[in-house]
Amino acid sequence: IPSSHPFDRIEIKTGTGQYLLYHADLSVNENIAVSKLLIRKVFSRIPHPCIIAGKNPPSDLESEIRNHENIKLVRDPGRDKMNDLIKNAQINIIPAMASNGLKLKLLISLFCGRHCLANSTAVNASGLYSLCHIADSTEDMIGKINILFYQPFTPEMIERREKVLFMKYDNMINAGKLEELFFRKEQV
């Protein structure tokens, strides 16, 4: 049974956003490493505005971001601010270094954000490959960013995403499956 999440509906805006977003807990070593990789190998090589948002960013990450005019840090955003950043981004970037279960930030981005650009590791075993643009190298990521940045998110894209997400990640259906599983074991 898939993870539960805080969404009972899709909250995606149509049209285009004005920036790329990477959001994460920036006190976690893997997320710091991903941020630095994105800064050095992707964001510094594109002309588009980029935002890195998350709690507790280390000072060396802040210093590195200050060296790039197109990259901005949003330090310690509250839940409402983070949701606003996700909803208004043109592309939510969700790379992962380790395949350690479903990334909640992937689900949040798919329920609330426009284009989601991830690597295979981030979507591994999630059943969500068809909803993400996959890039497994920095060159591929740059190429996809340069296309997606100008591609409006349409009502048809939202409808497709809703169908796929609720096929597997409907909280009510999954709660029923969990209840059935629990009571079946209780009767044995």
C-alpha atoms as a PDB file:
ATOM      1  CA  ILE A   1       0.000   0.000   0.000  1.00  0.00           C
ATOM      2  CA  PRO A   2       1.517   3.336  -1.043  1.00  0.00           C
ATOM      3  CA  SER A   3       2.358   6.153   1.339  1.00  0.00           C
ATOM      4  CA  SER A   4      -0.405   8.445   2.508  1.00  0.00           C
ATOM      5  CA  HIS A   5      -0.061  12.143   1.767  1.00  0.00           C
ATOM      6  CA  PRO A   6      -1.838  15.400   2.640  1.00  0.00           C
ATOM      7  CA  PHE A   7      -3.735  15.804  -0.663  1.00  0.00           C
ATOM      8  CA  ASP A   8      -7.304  14.967  -1.594  1.00  0.00           C
ATOM      9  CA  ARG A   9      -7.178  16.914  -4.858  1.00  0.00           C
ATOM     10  CA  ILE A  10      -4.782  18.250  -7.479  1.00  0.00           C
ATOM     11  CA  GLU A  11      -3.757  21.886  -6.915  1.00  0.00           C
ATOM     12  CA  ILE A  12      -1.768  22.637 -10.069  1.00  0.00           C
ATOM     13  CA  LYS A  13      -1.783  25.976 -11.876  1.00  0.00           C
ATOM     14  CA  THR A  14      -1.992  26.058 -15.649  1.00  0.00           C
ATOM     15  CA  GLY A  15       0.324  28.217 -17.722  1.00  0.00           C
ATOM     16  CA  THR A  16       3.972  28.906 -17.017  1.00  0.00           C
ATOM     17  CA  GLY A  17       6.024  29.794 -13.977  1.00  0.00           C
ATOM     18  CA  GLN A  18       9.092  32.006 -13.865  1.00  0.00           C
ATOM     19  CA  TYR A  19      11.686  29.804 -12.111  1.00  0.00           C
ATOM     20  CA  LEU A  20      13.001  26.301 -11.403  1.00  0.00           C
ATOM     21  CA  LEU A  21      12.752  24.947  -7.875  1.00  0.00           C
ATOM     22  CA  TYR A  22      14.719  22.420  -5.869  1.00  0.00           C
ATOM     23  CA  HIS A  23      13.218  22.003  -2.393  1.00  0.00           C
ATOM     24  CA  ALA A  24      14.553  19.862   0.418  1.00  0.00           C
ATOM     25  CA  ASP A  25      15.614  19.699   4.050  1.00  0.00           C
ATOM     26  CA  LEU A  26      18.987  21.364   3.589  1.00  0.00           C
ATOM     27  CA  SER A  27      20.372  20.008   6.846  1.00  0.00           C
ATOM     28  CA  VAL A  28      20.434  16.487   5.334  1.00  0.00           C
ATOM     29  CA  ASN A  29      23.793  15.548   3.780  1.00  0.00           C
ATOM     30  CA  GLU A  30      22.276  13.953   0.649  1.00  0.00           C
ATOM     31  CA  ASN A  31      20.186  17.080  -0.026  1.00  0.00           C
ATOM     32  CA  ILE A  32      23.205  19.352   0.462  1.00  0.00           C
ATOM     33  CA  ALA A  33      25.177  17.221  -2.011  1.00  0.00           C
ATOM     34  CA  VAL A  34      22.304  17.335  -4.523  1.00  0.00           C
ATOM     35  CA  SER A  35      22.047  21.131  -4.106  1.00  0.00           C
ATOM     36  CA  LYS A  36      25.757  21.585  -4.773  1.00  0.00           C
ATOM     37  CA  LEU A  37      25.632  19.286  -7.793  1.00  0.00           C
ATOM     38  CA  LEU A  38      22.679  21.242  -9.202  1.00  0.00           C
ATOM     39  CA  ILE A  39      24.441  24.570  -8.608  1.00  0.00           C
ATOM     40  CA  ARG A  40      27.757  23.498 -10.147  1.00  0.00           C
ATOM     41  CA  LYS A  41      26.608  21.273 -13.011  1.00  0.00           C
ATOM     42  CA  VAL A  42      23.125  22.513 -13.951  1.00  0.00           C
ATOM     43  CA  PHE A  43      21.910  25.855 -12.571  1.00  0.00           C
ATOM     44  CA  SER A  44      25.187  27.686 -13.281  1.00  0.00           C
ATOM     45  CA  ARG A  45      24.970  26.580 -16.923  1.00  0.00           C
ATOM     46  CA  ILE A  46      21.458  27.827 -17.710  1.00  0.00           C
ATOM     47  CA  PRO A  47      20.018  31.353 -17.991  1.00  0.00           C
ATOM     48  CA  HIS A  48      16.790  30.648 -16.096  1.00  0.00           C
ATOM     49  CA  PRO A  49      16.049  31.827 -12.535  1.00  0.00           C
ATOM     50  CA  CYS A  50      16.577  29.002 -10.033  1.00  0.00           C
ATOM     51  CA  ILE A  51      15.473  28.719  -6.413  1.00  0.00           C
ATOM     52  CA  ILE A  52      16.819  26.342  -3.795  1.00  0.00           C
ATOM     53  CA  ALA A  53      14.478  26.278  -0.803  1.00  0.00           C
ATOM     54  CA  GLY A  54      14.689  24.440   2.477  1.00  0.00           C
ATOM     55  CA  LYS A  55      15.329  24.492   6.159  1.00  0.00           C
ATOM     56  CA  ASN A  56      18.687  24.883   7.844  1.00  0.00           C
ATOM     57  CA  PRO A  57      20.951  25.481   4.831  1.00  0.00           C
ATOM     58  CA  PRO A  58      24.640  25.333   5.757  1.00  0.00           C
ATOM     59  CA  SER A  59      26.682  28.510   5.368  1.00  0.00           C
ATOM     60  CA  ASP A  60      28.914  27.034   2.641  1.00  0.00           C
ATOM     61  CA  LEU A  61      25.826  26.344   0.516  1.00  0.00           C
ATOM     62  CA  GLU A  62      24.633  29.919   1.034  1.00  0.00           C
ATOM     63  CA  SER A  63      28.081  31.205   0.006  1.00  0.00           C
ATOM     64  CA  GLU A  64      28.086  29.104  -3.139  1.00  0.00           C
ATOM     65  CA  ILE A  65      24.619  30.342  -4.124  1.00  0.00           C
ATOM     66  CA  ARG A  66      25.707  33.980  -3.711  1.00  0.00           C
ATOM     67  CA  ASN A  67      28.240  33.449  -6.525  1.00  0.00           C
ATOM     68  CA  HIS A  68      25.448  33.026  -9.105  1.00  0.00           C
ATOM     69  CA  GLU A  69      23.058  35.771 -10.193  1.00  0.00           C
ATOM     70  CA  ASN A  70      20.368  33.369 -11.418  1.00  0.00           C
ATOM     71  CA  ILE A  71      20.259  31.272  -8.217  1.00  0.00           C
ATOM     72  CA  LYS A  72      18.396  32.336  -5.091  1.00  0.00           C
ATOM     73  CA  LEU A  73      18.141  30.666  -1.687  1.00  0.00           C
ATOM     74  CA  VAL A  74      14.867  30.686   0.239  1.00  0.00           C
ATOM     75  CA  ARG A  75      15.980  29.882   3.757  1.00  0.00           C
ATOM     76  CA  ASP A  76      13.612  28.146   6.192  1.00  0.00           C
ATOM     77  CA  PRO A  77      10.344  28.705   4.330  1.00  0.00           C
ATOM     78  CA  GLY A  78       7.208  27.890   6.283  1.00  0.00           C
ATOM     79  CA  ARG A  79       4.706  25.383   4.913  1.00  0.00           C
ATOM     80  CA  ASP A  80       2.602  28.048   3.153  1.00  0.00           C
ATOM     81  CA  LYS A  81       5.649  29.675   1.548  1.00  0.00           C
ATOM     82  CA  MET A  82       7.001  26.294   0.400  1.00  0.00           C
ATOM     83  CA  ASN A  83       3.636  25.329  -1.099  1.00  0.00           C
ATOM     84  CA  ASP A  84       3.533  28.693  -2.886  1.00  0.00           C
ATOM     85  CA  LEU A  85       7.036  28.133  -4.290  1.00  0.00           C
ATOM     86  CA  ILE A  86       6.088  24.647  -5.537  1.00  0.00           C
ATOM     87  CA  LYS A  87       2.825  25.824  -7.129  1.00  0.00           C
ATOM     88  CA  ASN A  88       4.407  28.801  -8.891  1.00  0.00           C
ATOM     89  CA  ALA A  89       7.554  27.083 -10.207  1.00  0.00           C
ATOM     90  CA  GLN A  90       7.713  26.192 -13.874  1.00  0.00           C
ATOM     91  CA  ILE A  91       9.781  23.084 -13.079  1.00  0.00           C
ATOM     92  CA  ASN A  92      10.191  21.243  -9.777  1.00  0.00           C
ATOM     93  CA  ILE A  93      13.502  19.388  -9.859  1.00  0.00           C
ATOM     94  CA  ILE A  94      13.529  16.145  -7.857  1.00  0.00           C
ATOM     95  CA  PRO A  95      16.828  14.284  -8.186  1.00  0.00           C
ATOM     96  CA  ALA A  96      17.928  11.677  -5.658  1.00  0.00           C
ATOM     97  CA  MET A  97      21.251  10.003  -4.970  1.00  0.00           C
ATOM     98  CA  ALA A  98      19.803   6.975  -3.198  1.00  0.00           C
ATOM     99  CA  SER A  99      16.699   4.930  -3.865  1.00  0.00           C
ATOM    100  CA  ASN A 100      15.380   4.770  -0.324  1.00  0.00           C
ATOM    101  CA  GLY A 101      11.621   4.711  -0.782  1.00  0.00           C
ATOM    102  CA  LEU A 102       9.067   7.096  -2.181  1.00  0.00           C
ATOM    103  CA  LYS A 103      10.112  10.717  -1.931  1.00  0.00           C
ATOM    104  CA  LEU A 104       7.334  12.740  -0.300  1.00  0.00           C
ATOM    105  CA  LYS A 105       8.646  15.808  -2.135  1.00  0.00           C
ATOM    106  CA  LEU A 106       7.971  13.957  -5.402  1.00  0.00           C
ATOM    107  CA  LEU A 107       4.325  13.408  -4.436  1.00  0.00           C
ATOM    108  CA  ILE A 108       3.964  16.998  -3.236  1.00  0.00           C
ATOM    109  CA  SER A 109       5.409  18.297  -6.504  1.00  0.00           C
ATOM    110  CA  LEU A 110       3.137  16.070  -8.572  1.00  0.00           C
ATOM    111  CA  PHE A 111      -0.002  17.094  -6.668  1.00  0.00           C
ATOM    112  CA  CYS A 112       0.827  20.828  -6.622  1.00  0.00           C
ATOM    113  CA  GLY A 113       3.488  21.691  -9.179  1.00  0.00           C
ATOM    114  CA  ARG A 114       3.772  22.018 -12.914  1.00  0.00           C
ATOM    115  CA  HIS A 115       6.542  20.057 -14.659  1.00  0.00           C
ATOM    116  CA  CYS A 116       8.486  17.589 -12.500  1.00  0.00           C
ATOM    117  CA  LEU A 117      12.000  16.755 -13.615  1.00  0.00           C
ATOM    118  CA  ALA A 118      13.495  13.802 -11.757  1.00  0.00           C
ATOM    119  CA  ASN A 119      16.117  11.149 -12.185  1.00  0.00           C
ATOM    120  CA  SER A 120      15.315   7.425 -12.300  1.00  0.00           C
ATOM    121  CA  THR A 121      16.501   6.987  -8.725  1.00  0.00           C
ATOM    122  CA  ALA A 122      13.909   9.457  -7.413  1.00  0.00           C
ATOM    123  CA  VAL A 123      10.953   7.726  -9.078  1.00  0.00           C
ATOM    124  CA  ASN A 124      12.172   4.139  -8.713  1.00  0.00           C
ATOM    125  CA  ALA A 125       9.288   1.746  -7.861  1.00  0.00           C
ATOM    126  CA  SER A 126       6.819   4.628  -7.415  1.00  0.00           C
ATOM    127  CA  GLY A 127       4.687   3.954 -10.485  1.00  0.00           C
ATOM    128  CA  LEU A 128       5.094   7.645 -11.340  1.00  0.00           C
ATOM    129  CA  TYR A 129       7.564   7.519 -14.253  1.00  0.00           C
ATOM    130  CA  SER A 130       4.862   8.571 -16.721  1.00  0.00           C
ATOM    131  CA  LEU A 131       4.204  11.807 -14.793  1.00  0.00           C
ATOM    132  CA  CYS A 132       7.821  12.927 -14.588  1.00  0.00           C
ATOM    133  CA  HIS A 133      10.378  14.029 -17.113  1.00  0.00           C
ATOM    134  CA  ILE A 134      13.381  11.769 -16.478  1.00  0.00           C
ATOM    135  CA  ALA A 135      16.986  12.947 -16.771  1.00  0.00           C
ATOM    136  CA  ASP A 136      19.821  10.747 -15.544  1.00  0.00           C
ATOM    137  CA  SER A 137      22.704  13.029 -16.486  1.00  0.00           C
ATOM    138  CA  THR A 138      23.349  16.724 -15.980  1.00  0.00           C
ATOM    139  CA  GLU A 139      23.484  17.244 -19.759  1.00  0.00           C
ATOM    140  CA  ASP A 140      20.095  15.585 -20.187  1.00  0.00           C
ATOM    141  CA  MET A 141      18.718  17.661 -17.312  1.00  0.00           C
ATOM    142  CA  ILE A 142      19.919  20.909 -18.913  1.00  0.00           C
ATOM    143  CA  GLY A 143      18.377  19.911 -22.244  1.00  0.00           C
ATOM    144  CA  LYS A 144      15.016  19.099 -20.670  1.00  0.00           C
ATOM    145  CA  ILE A 145      15.034  22.285 -18.582  1.00  0.00           C
ATOM    146  CA  ASN A 146      15.609  24.383 -21.705  1.00  0.00           C
ATOM    147  CA  ILE A 147      12.545  22.804 -23.339  1.00  0.00           C
ATOM    148  CA  LEU A 148      10.204  22.609 -20.320  1.00  0.00           C
ATOM    149  CA  PHE A 149      10.896  26.156 -19.170  1.00  0.00           C
ATOM    150  CA  TYR A 150       8.866  27.448 -22.116  1.00  0.00           C
ATOM    151  CA  GLN A 151       6.189  24.728 -22.218  1.00  0.00           C
ATOM    152  CA  PRO A 152       2.897  25.819 -20.595  1.00  0.00           C
ATOM    153  CA  PHE A 153       1.192  23.348 -18.276  1.00  0.00           C
ATOM    154  CA  THR A 154      -2.233  22.639 -19.760  1.00  0.00           C
ATOM    155  CA  PRO A 155      -5.588  21.476 -18.354  1.00  0.00           C
ATOM    156  CA  GLU A 156      -5.063  18.205 -20.268  1.00  0.00           C
ATOM    157  CA  MET A 157      -1.759  17.638 -18.444  1.00  0.00           C
ATOM    158  CA  ILE A 158      -3.498  18.225 -15.119  1.00  0.00           C
ATOM    159  CA  GLU A 159      -6.279  15.777 -16.016  1.00  0.00           C
ATOM    160  CA  ARG A 160      -3.752  13.098 -16.994  1.00  0.00           C
ATOM    161  CA  ARG A 161      -1.789  13.616 -13.792  1.00  0.00           C
ATOM    162  CA  GLU A 162      -4.951  13.380 -11.710  1.00  0.00           C
ATOM    163  CA  LYS A 163      -5.947  10.065 -13.319  1.00  0.00           C
ATOM    164  CA  VAL A 164      -2.557   8.472 -12.736  1.00  0.00           C
ATOM    165  CA  LEU A 165      -2.076   9.820  -9.202  1.00  0.00           C
ATOM    166  CA  PHE A 166      -5.484   8.785  -7.935  1.00  0.00           C
ATOM    167  CA  MET A 167      -5.178   5.355  -9.503  1.00  0.00           C
ATOM    168  CA  LYS A 168      -2.428   4.504  -7.000  1.00  0.00           C
ATOM    169  CA  TYR A 169      -2.262   7.299  -4.422  1.00  0.00           C
ATOM    170  CA  ASP A 170      -5.905   7.824  -3.391  1.00  0.00           C
ATOM    171  CA  ASN A 171      -5.817   8.059   0.425  1.00  0.00           C
ATOM    172  CA  MET A 172      -9.407   6.859   0.904  1.00  0.00           C
ATOM    173  CA  ILE A 173      -8.986   3.780  -1.287  1.00  0.00           C
ATOM    174  CA  ASN A 174      -5.654   2.951   0.336  1.00  0.00           C
ATOM    175  CA  ALA A 175      -7.132   3.399   3.831  1.00  0.00           C
ATOM    176  CA  GLY A 176      -9.826   0.889   2.848  1.00  0.00           C
ATOM    177  CA  LYS A 177      -7.157  -1.561   1.675  1.00  0.00           C
ATOM    178  CA  LEU A 178      -5.294  -1.114   4.941  1.00  0.00           C
ATOM    179  CA  GLU A 179      -8.471  -1.646   6.954  1.00  0.00           C
ATOM    180  CA  GLU A 180      -9.280  -4.783   4.964  1.00  0.00           C
ATOM    181  CA  LEU A 181      -5.772  -6.107   5.509  1.00  0.00           C
ATOM    182  CA  PHE A 182      -5.887  -5.332   9.221  1.00  0.00           C
ATOM    183  CA  PHE A 183      -9.265  -6.962   9.841  1.00  0.00           C
ATOM    184  CA  ARG A 184      -8.433  -9.983   7.706  1.00  0.00           C
ATOM    185  CA  LYS A 185      -5.331 -10.633   9.847  1.00  0.00           C
ATOM    186  CA  GLU A 186      -7.324 -10.047  13.028  1.00  0.00           C
ATOM    187  CA  GLN A 187      -9.816 -12.786  12.063  1.00  0.00           C
ATOM    188  CA  VAL A 188      -7.111 -15.377  11.357  1.00  0.00           C
END
